[in-house]
Protein backbone atom coordinates (compact mmCIF):
# COMPACT_ATOMS: atom_id res chain seq x y z
CA UNK A 1 47.51 26.44 32.48
CA UNK A 2 48.25 24.89 29.45
CA UNK A 3 48.50 26.70 25.73
CA UNK A 4 45.42 26.63 23.31
CA UNK A 5 44.59 23.70 21.55
CA UNK A 6 42.06 25.02 19.51
CA UNK A 7 42.01 24.56 16.00
CA UNK A 8 40.56 26.15 12.73
CA UNK A 9 40.75 29.50 11.12
CA UNK A 10 43.96 31.48 10.62
CA UNK A 11 47.05 30.34 12.67
CA UNK A 12 47.86 32.08 16.36
CA UNK A 13 51.11 34.41 15.66
CA UNK A 14 51.52 35.14 19.38
CA UNK A 15 51.05 33.40 23.05
CA UNK A 16 47.46 33.16 23.48
CA UNK A 17 45.70 32.82 26.55
CA UNK A 18 46.23 29.62 28.38
CA UNK A 19 43.74 26.93 29.24
CA UNK A 20 43.55 25.15 32.29
CA UNK A 21 46.22 22.21 32.94
CA UNK A 22 43.69 19.35 33.93
CA UNK A 23 40.85 18.69 31.55
CA UNK A 24 37.25 18.38 32.84
CA UNK A 25 37.10 15.20 31.95
CA UNK A 26 40.19 14.14 33.77
CA UNK A 27 38.77 16.33 37.04
CA UNK A 28 35.56 14.20 36.30
CA UNK A 29 37.53 10.80 36.48
CA UNK A 30 38.99 12.03 39.98
CA UNK A 31 35.46 12.45 41.21
CA UNK A 32 34.40 9.42 40.19
CA UNK A 33 37.52 7.73 41.99
CA UNK A 34 36.80 9.63 44.91
CA UNK A 35 33.11 8.47 45.38
CA UNK A 36 34.04 4.42 44.72
CA UNK A 37 34.81 3.65 48.09
CA UNK A 38 31.12 5.03 49.12
CA UNK A 39 29.69 1.60 47.72
CA UNK A 40 32.50 -0.08 49.95
CA UNK A 41 31.26 1.78 53.00
CA UNK A 42 27.50 1.06 52.11
CA UNK A 43 28.13 -2.22 51.85
CA UNK A 44 29.90 -2.48 54.97
CA UNK A 45 27.14 -0.79 56.70
CA UNK A 46 24.76 -3.21 55.63
CA UNK A 47 26.69 -6.23 56.65
CA UNK A 48 26.77 -4.64 60.08
CA UNK A 49 23.41 -4.63 60.44
CA UNK A 50 22.74 -8.42 59.39
CA UNK A 51 25.55 -9.76 61.49
CA UNK A 52 23.96 -7.44 64.55
CA UNK A 53 20.60 -8.61 63.86
CA UNK A 54 21.90 -12.06 63.58
CA UNK A 55 23.93 -12.01 66.98
CA UNK A 56 20.98 -10.51 68.40
CA UNK A 57 18.19 -12.85 67.26
CA UNK A 58 20.76 -15.72 68.62
CA UNK A 59 19.91 -14.10 72.03
CA UNK A 60 16.88 -13.33 74.35
CA UNK A 61 15.87 -11.77 77.50
CA UNK A 62 17.67 -8.60 79.25
CA UNK A 63 21.00 -9.61 76.85
CA UNK A 64 18.94 -9.05 73.48
CA UNK A 65 17.15 -5.95 74.95
CA UNK A 66 21.07 -4.31 75.82
CA UNK A 67 21.94 -5.17 72.26
CA UNK A 68 19.36 -3.06 70.74
CA UNK A 69 20.80 -0.14 69.04
CA UNK A 70 24.58 -1.40 70.01
CA UNK A 71 25.39 -0.89 66.31
CA UNK A 72 23.79 2.69 66.02
CA UNK A 73 27.32 4.77 66.71
CA UNK A 74 29.13 2.89 64.04
CA UNK A 75 26.14 3.19 61.63
CA UNK A 76 25.85 6.96 61.79
CA UNK A 77 30.25 7.04 61.53
CA UNK A 78 29.82 4.92 58.40
CA UNK A 79 26.98 7.04 57.45
CA UNK A 80 28.62 10.43 57.97
CA UNK A 81 31.63 8.71 55.97
CA UNK A 82 29.23 8.24 53.05
CA UNK A 83 28.15 11.35 53.28
CA UNK A 84 31.37 13.29 52.79
CA UNK A 85 32.55 11.24 50.89
CA UNK A 86 29.83 11.92 48.13
CA UNK A 87 30.02 15.29 48.46
CA UNK A 88 33.86 15.63 47.78
CA UNK A 89 33.38 13.92 44.98
CA UNK A 90 30.52 16.50 44.12
CA UNK A 91 32.92 19.41 44.89
CA UNK A 92 35.67 17.66 42.31
CA UNK A 93 32.92 17.35 39.91
CA UNK A 94 31.19 20.73 39.99
CA UNK A 95 34.99 22.37 39.81
CA UNK A 96 35.12 20.36 36.62
CA UNK A 97 32.20 22.48 35.14
CA UNK A 98 33.98 25.62 36.27
CA UNK A 99 36.99 24.50 34.09
CA UNK A 100 34.69 23.56 31.27
CA UNK A 101 33.24 26.99 31.05
CA UNK A 102 37.07 28.47 31.55
CA UNK A 103 38.44 26.49 28.56
CA UNK A 104 35.35 27.48 26.58
CA UNK A 105 35.64 31.21 27.61
CA UNK A 106 39.37 30.85 26.52
CA UNK A 107 38.75 29.11 23.36
CA UNK A 108 36.35 31.92 22.46
CA UNK A 109 39.12 34.61 22.95
CA UNK A 110 41.70 33.02 21.28
CA UNK A 111 39.41 32.34 18.38
CA UNK A 112 38.57 36.29 18.07
CA UNK A 113 42.66 36.85 18.73
CA UNK A 114 43.54 33.96 15.44
CA UNK A 115 40.94 35.98 13.29
CA UNK A 116 42.93 39.08 13.30
CA UNK A 117 45.92 39.05 10.09
CA UNK A 118 48.79 40.28 11.34
CA UNK A 119 50.98 39.35 14.69
CA UNK A 120 50.61 43.05 15.47
CA UNK A 121 46.81 42.98 14.86
CA UNK A 122 46.48 40.05 17.29
CA UNK A 123 48.67 41.69 20.12
CA UNK A 124 46.19 44.51 19.82
CA UNK A 125 42.95 41.72 20.11
CA UNK A 126 44.61 39.99 22.75
CA UNK A 127 45.46 43.39 24.84
CA UNK A 128 41.88 44.26 23.89
CA UNK A 129 40.44 41.10 25.26
CA UNK A 130 43.06 40.95 28.58
CA UNK A 131 40.07 42.59 30.98
CA UNK A 132 37.69 39.37 29.86
CA UNK A 133 40.37 36.75 30.09
CA UNK A 134 40.65 38.36 34.07
CA UNK A 135 37.35 37.99 34.63
CA UNK A 136 37.20 34.51 33.37
CA UNK A 137 40.47 33.79 35.87
CA UNK A 138 38.67 35.33 38.61
CA UNK A 139 35.78 33.46 38.50
CA UNK A 140 37.60 30.22 37.89
CA UNK A 141 39.92 30.66 41.24
CA UNK A 142 36.54 31.74 43.41
CA UNK A 143 34.93 28.18 42.03
CA UNK A 144 38.36 27.01 43.38
CA UNK A 145 38.37 28.60 46.64
CA UNK A 146 34.40 27.48 47.23
CA UNK A 147 35.41 23.09 46.16
CA UNK A 148 38.29 23.76 48.62
CA UNK A 149 35.53 24.85 51.34
CA UNK A 150 33.34 21.94 50.52
CA UNK A 151 36.30 19.64 50.67
CA UNK A 152 37.41 21.21 54.23
CA UNK A 153 33.58 20.86 55.81
CA UNK A 154 31.53 17.95 53.35
CA UNK A 155 28.91 17.91 56.16
CA UNK A 156 28.23 22.01 55.72
CA UNK A 157 24.29 22.16 54.95
CA UNK A 158 25.08 25.43 52.85
CA UNK A 159 27.73 23.40 50.54
CA UNK A 160 25.58 19.95 50.43
CA UNK A 161 22.26 22.31 48.86
CA UNK A 162 24.99 24.47 46.88
CA UNK A 163 26.20 21.28 45.27
CA UNK A 164 22.38 19.57 44.82
CA UNK A 165 21.00 22.87 42.91
CA UNK A 166 24.34 22.46 40.78
CA UNK A 167 23.26 18.86 40.18
CA UNK A 168 26.49 17.59 41.44
CA UNK A 169 25.35 15.38 43.75
CA UNK A 170 23.73 11.81 43.30
CA UNK A 171 19.41 12.32 42.28
CA UNK A 172 19.34 10.38 45.50
CA UNK A 173 20.88 12.89 47.71
CA UNK A 174 17.33 14.10 49.04
CA UNK A 175 17.41 10.96 51.07
CA UNK A 176 20.73 10.51 51.88
CA UNK A 177 21.44 14.09 53.76
CA UNK A 178 17.64 14.12 54.89
CA UNK A 179 19.41 14.09 58.62
CA UNK A 180 21.28 17.02 57.56
CA UNK A 181 18.89 19.47 55.23
CA UNK A 182 15.77 19.02 53.87
CA UNK A 183 17.03 19.00 50.08
CA UNK A 184 12.95 18.51 48.73
CA UNK A 185 12.24 21.94 49.17
CA UNK A 186 15.11 22.89 47.22
CA UNK A 187 14.89 24.12 43.30
CA UNK A 188 17.43 22.36 40.84
CA UNK A 189 19.13 24.55 38.46
CA UNK A 190 20.46 21.86 36.00
CA UNK A 191 20.17 18.40 35.78
CA UNK A 192 21.29 15.36 37.94
CA UNK A 193 25.08 13.79 36.89
CA UNK A 194 23.66 10.41 37.23
CA UNK A 195 20.24 11.21 34.81
CA UNK A 196 21.72 8.37 32.53
CA UNK A 197 21.89 5.80 35.11
CA UNK A 198 18.05 6.15 35.63
CA UNK A 199 15.63 3.84 34.77
CA UNK A 200 12.57 4.65 32.71
CA UNK A 201 10.81 5.32 36.15
CA UNK A 202 13.32 6.52 38.11
CA UNK A 203 13.18 9.87 35.81
CA UNK A 204 9.24 10.06 35.73
CA UNK A 205 9.41 10.07 39.22
CA UNK A 206 12.05 12.29 39.26
CA UNK A 207 10.25 14.42 36.79
CA UNK A 208 7.56 14.99 39.10
CA UNK A 209 9.45 15.80 41.89
CA UNK A 210 11.46 18.12 40.08
CA UNK A 211 9.43 20.22 37.58
CA UNK A 212 11.95 23.33 37.59
CA UNK A 213 14.44 21.09 35.25
CA UNK A 214 11.29 18.77 33.89
CA UNK A 215 12.29 20.46 30.04
CA UNK A 216 15.75 19.95 30.69
CA UNK A 217 15.06 16.23 31.09
CA UNK A 218 12.96 16.14 28.13
CA UNK A 219 15.44 17.60 26.28
CA UNK A 220 18.24 15.44 27.03
CA UNK A 221 15.94 12.21 26.69
CA UNK A 222 14.88 13.21 23.08
CA UNK A 223 18.80 14.03 22.38
CA UNK A 224 19.65 10.73 23.83
CA UNK A 225 16.50 8.76 21.66
CA UNK A 226 18.10 10.58 18.46
CA UNK A 227 14.94 12.51 17.89
CA UNK A 228 16.32 15.94 18.66
CA UNK A 229 20.21 17.48 17.26
CA UNK A 230 21.62 20.89 17.12
CA UNK A 231 21.42 23.93 19.37
CA UNK A 232 19.36 24.46 22.28
CA UNK A 233 15.83 24.66 21.17
CA UNK A 234 13.82 27.78 21.52
CA UNK A 235 10.89 29.42 20.39
CA UNK A 236 7.79 27.31 20.21
CA UNK A 237 9.33 23.91 20.22
CA UNK A 238 10.62 24.84 23.53
CA UNK A 239 7.37 26.12 24.64
CA UNK A 240 6.14 22.83 23.73
CA UNK A 241 8.39 21.30 26.09
CA UNK A 242 7.79 24.05 29.20
CA UNK A 243 3.92 23.00 28.60
CA UNK A 244 4.37 19.45 29.01
CA UNK A 245 6.47 19.94 31.91
CA UNK A 246 4.25 22.45 33.54
CA UNK A 247 1.34 19.97 33.12
CA UNK A 248 3.17 16.73 34.05
CA UNK A 249 3.26 14.94 30.58
CA UNK A 250 5.71 11.88 30.96
CA UNK A 251 9.19 11.95 29.23
CA UNK A 252 7.80 8.46 27.47
CA UNK A 253 4.85 10.67 25.90
CA UNK A 254 6.77 13.07 24.55
CA UNK A 255 9.44 10.68 23.36
CA UNK A 256 6.30 8.88 22.15
CA UNK A 257 5.19 11.81 20.04
CA UNK A 258 8.28 13.21 18.53
CA UNK A 259 9.02 9.64 17.72
CA UNK A 260 5.55 8.83 15.81
CA UNK A 261 4.71 12.12 14.49
CA UNK A 262 8.43 12.98 13.53
CA UNK A 263 8.04 16.08 15.62
CA UNK A 264 11.34 18.56 15.51
CA UNK A 265 11.39 22.55 15.99
CA UNK A 266 10.93 23.04 12.34
CA UNK A 267 7.58 21.44 12.48
CA UNK A 268 6.56 24.85 14.76
CA UNK A 269 7.72 27.08 12.20
CA UNK A 270 3.94 27.49 10.75
CA UNK A 271 3.08 29.05 13.76
CA UNK A 272 5.53 32.00 13.29
CA UNK A 273 4.71 35.11 12.54
CA UNK A 274 0.56 34.00 13.26
CA UNK A 275 -0.96 36.37 16.21
CA UNK A 276 -0.78 34.71 19.48
CA UNK A 277 -3.78 35.28 21.94
CA UNK A 278 -3.55 33.28 25.32
CA UNK A 279 -6.52 32.29 27.38
CA UNK A 280 -7.07 32.65 31.14
CA UNK A 281 -4.98 29.16 31.39
CA UNK A 282 -2.25 30.43 29.74
CA UNK A 283 -3.33 28.29 26.53
CA UNK A 284 -2.17 29.35 23.10
CA UNK A 285 -4.86 30.16 20.09
CA UNK A 286 -3.22 31.44 16.90
CA UNK A 287 -4.90 34.16 14.61
CA UNK A 288 -4.90 33.11 11.01
CA UNK A 289 -4.13 35.72 8.46
CA UNK A 290 -6.47 36.31 5.24
CA UNK A 291 -4.85 34.60 2.72
CA UNK A 292 -3.15 31.64 4.52
CA UNK A 293 -2.99 28.41 2.58
CA UNK A 294 -5.22 25.28 3.07
CA UNK A 295 -2.17 23.25 3.93
CA UNK A 296 -0.67 26.01 6.62
CA UNK A 297 -4.17 26.96 8.22
CA UNK A 298 -4.29 22.69 8.74
CA UNK A 299 -0.90 22.07 9.91
CA UNK A 300 -1.56 25.41 12.21
CA UNK A 301 -4.26 23.71 13.60
CA UNK A 302 -2.35 20.48 14.28
CA UNK A 303 0.89 22.44 15.90
CA UNK A 304 -1.46 24.22 18.02
CA UNK A 305 -3.06 21.24 19.46
CA UNK A 306 0.44 19.71 20.07
CA UNK A 307 2.04 22.84 21.48
CA UNK A 308 -0.67 23.13 24.32
CA UNK A 309 0.05 19.59 25.26
CA UNK A 310 -3.66 19.22 27.09
CA UNK A 311 -6.81 21.41 26.87
CA UNK A 312 -7.69 21.83 30.06
CA UNK A 313 -11.49 20.41 29.68
CA UNK A 314 -10.67 18.32 32.60
CA UNK A 315 -10.33 20.79 34.96
CA UNK A 316 -13.30 23.19 33.28
CA UNK A 317 -15.95 21.71 35.64
CA UNK A 318 -16.94 18.68 37.69
CA UNK A 319 -20.29 18.24 35.87
CA UNK A 320 -18.67 17.92 32.13
CA UNK A 321 -20.17 14.92 30.15
CA UNK A 322 -17.06 13.07 29.20
CA UNK A 323 -13.37 12.32 30.81
CA UNK A 324 -10.81 13.96 29.79
CA UNK A 325 -8.62 12.11 26.68
CA UNK A 326 -5.03 12.28 27.95
CA UNK A 327 -3.09 13.90 25.34
CA UNK A 328 -0.67 11.34 23.83
CA UNK A 329 0.22 10.12 20.14
CA UNK A 330 -2.25 8.39 19.63
CA UNK A 331 -4.73 11.27 20.22
CA UNK A 332 -2.76 13.48 17.79
CA UNK A 333 -2.89 10.35 15.09
CA UNK A 334 -7.00 10.86 15.34
CA UNK A 335 -6.92 14.64 15.21
CA UNK A 336 -4.61 13.99 12.06
CA UNK A 337 -7.25 11.59 10.87
CA UNK A 338 -10.29 13.57 11.21
CA UNK A 339 -8.34 16.66 9.62
CA UNK A 340 -8.19 14.53 6.41
CA UNK A 341 -11.71 13.59 6.51
CA UNK A 342 -12.86 17.17 6.88
CA UNK A 343 -10.44 18.32 3.99
CA UNK A 344 -12.81 20.24 2.23
CA UNK A 345 -13.13 22.65 5.58
CA UNK A 346 -9.64 23.61 5.16
CA UNK A 347 -9.37 23.16 1.39
CA UNK A 348 -12.49 25.43 0.81
CA UNK A 349 -13.93 26.68 3.86
CA UNK A 350 -11.07 28.40 5.00
CA UNK A 351 -11.52 31.11 2.02
CA UNK A 352 -14.92 31.33 2.04
CA UNK A 353 -15.02 32.33 6.04
CA UNK A 354 -12.14 34.93 5.43
CA UNK A 355 -13.68 36.18 1.53
CA UNK A 356 -16.83 36.79 3.73
CA UNK A 357 -15.49 39.11 6.30
CA UNK A 358 -15.21 36.32 9.08
CA UNK A 359 -12.09 35.56 10.98
CA UNK A 360 -10.47 32.32 12.72
CA UNK A 361 -8.18 31.20 15.13
CA UNK A 362 -6.43 27.89 15.92
CA UNK A 363 -7.48 26.24 19.00
CA UNK A 364 -5.71 23.57 21.50
CA UNK A 365 -8.57 21.02 20.79
CA UNK A 366 -7.11 20.96 17.25
CA UNK A 367 -9.77 22.55 15.28
CA UNK A 368 -10.64 26.26 14.04
CA UNK A 369 -12.85 28.57 15.66
CA UNK A 370 -14.40 31.55 13.92
CA UNK A 371 -16.69 34.85 13.72
CA UNK A 372 -17.52 37.76 12.10
CA UNK A 373 -18.72 37.93 8.43
CA UNK A 374 -21.91 38.89 6.23
CA UNK A 375 -25.22 37.94 5.51
CA UNK A 376 -23.96 34.88 3.98
CA UNK A 377 -21.33 33.92 6.25
CA UNK A 378 -24.61 34.19 8.97
CA UNK A 379 -26.62 31.86 7.25
CA UNK A 380 -23.78 28.99 8.11
CA UNK A 381 -23.84 29.73 12.03
CA UNK A 382 -26.74 29.33 14.19
CA UNK A 383 -28.41 29.50 17.63
CA UNK A 384 -24.95 29.29 19.99
CA UNK A 385 -22.62 28.12 17.12
CA UNK A 386 -22.22 25.91 14.02
CA UNK A 387 -19.81 23.54 13.69
CA UNK A 388 -18.75 22.56 10.05
CA UNK A 389 -15.95 19.89 9.39
CA UNK A 390 -13.10 21.06 11.30
CA UNK A 391 -14.60 24.89 12.00
CA UNK A 392 -16.69 25.92 14.51
CA UNK A 393 -18.35 29.51 13.98
CA UNK A 394 -19.80 31.30 16.99
CA UNK A 395 -22.99 32.45 16.13
CA UNK A 396 -21.27 36.45 16.13
CA UNK A 397 -21.13 37.84 12.35
CA UNK A 398 -21.68 41.76 11.24
CA UNK A 399 -19.12 43.08 13.51
CA UNK A 400 -16.47 46.10 12.62
CA UNK A 401 -13.44 44.32 14.41
CA UNK A 402 -14.22 40.30 13.80
CA UNK A 403 -9.90 40.25 14.92
CA UNK A 404 -10.91 42.25 18.27
CA UNK A 405 -14.09 40.18 19.23
CA UNK A 406 -12.24 37.12 18.75
CA UNK A 407 -9.68 38.31 20.74
CA UNK A 408 -12.05 39.07 23.69
CA UNK A 409 -13.45 35.60 22.88
CA UNK A 410 -10.58 33.85 23.91
CA UNK A 411 -8.90 36.32 26.37
CA UNK A 412 -12.13 35.50 28.43
CA UNK A 413 -12.23 32.05 28.55
CA UNK A 414 -16.09 31.65 28.32
CA UNK A 415 -18.25 31.03 25.36
CA UNK A 416 -19.47 34.49 23.60
CA UNK A 417 -22.87 35.24 21.81
CA UNK A 418 -24.55 37.99 20.24
CA UNK A 419 -27.81 39.54 21.42
CA UNK A 420 -30.90 40.83 18.82
CA UNK A 421 -29.29 44.14 18.87
CA UNK A 422 -25.79 43.13 17.88
CA UNK A 423 -24.50 43.41 21.10
CA UNK A 424 -21.44 40.98 22.09
CA UNK A 425 -21.28 39.10 25.53
CA UNK A 426 -19.89 36.33 27.46
CA UNK A 427 -21.74 33.85 28.61
CA UNK A 428 -20.69 31.66 31.97
CA UNK A 429 -20.13 28.08 30.12
CA UNK A 430 -16.53 27.45 29.84
CA UNK A 431 -14.67 27.98 26.50
CA UNK A 432 -12.76 24.98 27.25
CA UNK A 433 -16.35 22.80 27.40
CA UNK A 434 -17.72 24.40 24.60
CA UNK A 435 -14.52 23.45 22.31
CA UNK A 436 -14.70 19.81 23.56
CA UNK A 437 -18.33 19.59 22.65
CA UNK A 438 -17.57 21.09 19.29
CA UNK A 439 -14.37 19.11 18.25
CA UNK A 440 -17.06 16.19 18.83
CA UNK A 441 -19.14 17.56 15.89
CA UNK A 442 -16.17 17.94 14.35
CA UNK A 443 -15.32 14.32 14.61
CA UNK A 444 -19.06 13.01 13.74
CA UNK A 445 -18.77 15.00 10.32
CA UNK A 446 -15.22 12.94 10.12
CA UNK A 447 -16.94 9.88 10.70
CA UNK A 448 -20.42 10.09 8.53
CA UNK A 449 -18.69 12.13 5.91
CA UNK A 450 -20.02 15.28 4.75
CA UNK A 451 -23.14 13.72 3.06
CA UNK A 452 -23.99 11.25 5.82
CA UNK A 453 -23.67 13.97 8.33
CA UNK A 454 -25.91 16.19 7.17
CA UNK A 455 -28.79 13.87 6.18
CA UNK A 456 -28.44 12.20 9.71
CA UNK A 457 -28.72 15.67 11.17
CA UNK A 458 -31.70 16.88 9.25
CA UNK A 459 -33.64 13.69 9.70
CA UNK A 460 -33.21 14.27 13.70
CA UNK A 461 -34.33 17.58 13.22
CA UNK A 462 -37.63 16.64 11.25
CA UNK A 463 -38.73 13.55 13.64
CA UNK A 464 -37.49 15.93 16.83
CA UNK A 465 -34.21 13.53 17.65
CA UNK A 466 -31.52 15.20 19.38
CA UNK A 467 -28.88 11.90 19.33
CA UNK A 468 -26.06 14.47 17.34
CA UNK A 469 -26.03 17.11 20.20
CA UNK A 470 -26.30 14.18 22.82
CA UNK A 471 -23.21 12.45 21.92
CA UNK A 472 -21.03 15.69 21.43
CA UNK A 473 -22.34 16.51 25.28
CA UNK A 474 -25.46 18.40 26.06
CA UNK A 475 -23.99 19.76 29.22
CA UNK A 476 -20.57 20.70 27.74
CA UNK A 477 -23.22 22.47 24.78
CA UNK A 478 -24.53 24.92 27.19
CA UNK A 479 -27.96 22.72 26.78
CA UNK A 480 -29.92 22.30 29.83
């Protein structure tokens, strides 16, 4: 052990708790030094195979048959030696992590002691913290005993598994130890130590093979690219990464989105304080409060699309009218552009819906969905619902509690209707398909403009055409 060497704040007037004698970085260097000979043994193994094959190919008949497998015993010994070397390095590397944790605990305890103004106060604080120091010492001693056992019996499958779970073995360990243990079914608790040395393709494959650490891979890569700083992210930013991991979004896609659209934790703060409603697939919708500004409504709508990292349209039905558009930076830009073209639906219609008794939620499709309202609001929603710019209004009006009806609609995951007697009910059409259909209408508004869309739609009605609905997907819209 060695004295506390932390700085800052007041001075330690007494002897503080002692840190570990050897630093974690020194131990990690020692682990690398232990692992180095493994490469030489692997080269020997490969050279042995080449030499043996050359010798065998130079003879024929019974002599050649006798040479088959003659090098197996030596190759098995070489393999076991490499495996043992890597485990030994992993045991040291894992112990270095325990030392790091111990030293951080000591620094924290000494910081609390240092904060006391007098020698007597510091001594009293040290006495009060003695039990925490004892626990830290016990944890470090336990880690040392475990490391000793791992070094003593490096090919024990339990030791291999424990080190692999802890990220102390290389990412190729599943293949390296396949003769001793099946590591493909082991869930990692942390990232492998060699993540930085992986190629982009290797990281992508690793993410697919180990979704349990995908969020950590995302975070590490974003930090490595300079796209994330500060403490570990939480809240909706972390949920974004979790959603992306669950959906199998690639690291490259997340990095591209973060870089192209300058996404950071603060961008998700617009969702803080909004009521979260979850659909049967776990996607997030947010209830807009009465009085929300048009800009906040627009940003909350965009961030809801980004947060969900997908719409589930592709899996909604085998009869979808269109293939699913991949989640990407380009798709986010399309939604941003569409919002700009349909800005009137945020600047004017958000207040219009709220002022006439309706309520709206943001959706995973990057548009708004609403219902409820008085007779005036009802004029703007016909049949199964009507989209105006970026707002899709279900044809459900004059209800006592539009908030609750909207919650029920989202949580059902199906299209919601109202019969002639005012009763609200859910149909069979998947909400993901319906929202995809209505979002295409929203894009039509953006592409044709306010006057252009109304003119073309009214002309269709007058001439019996149906191009607008066909372009949005008849089956997805519930048309038969």
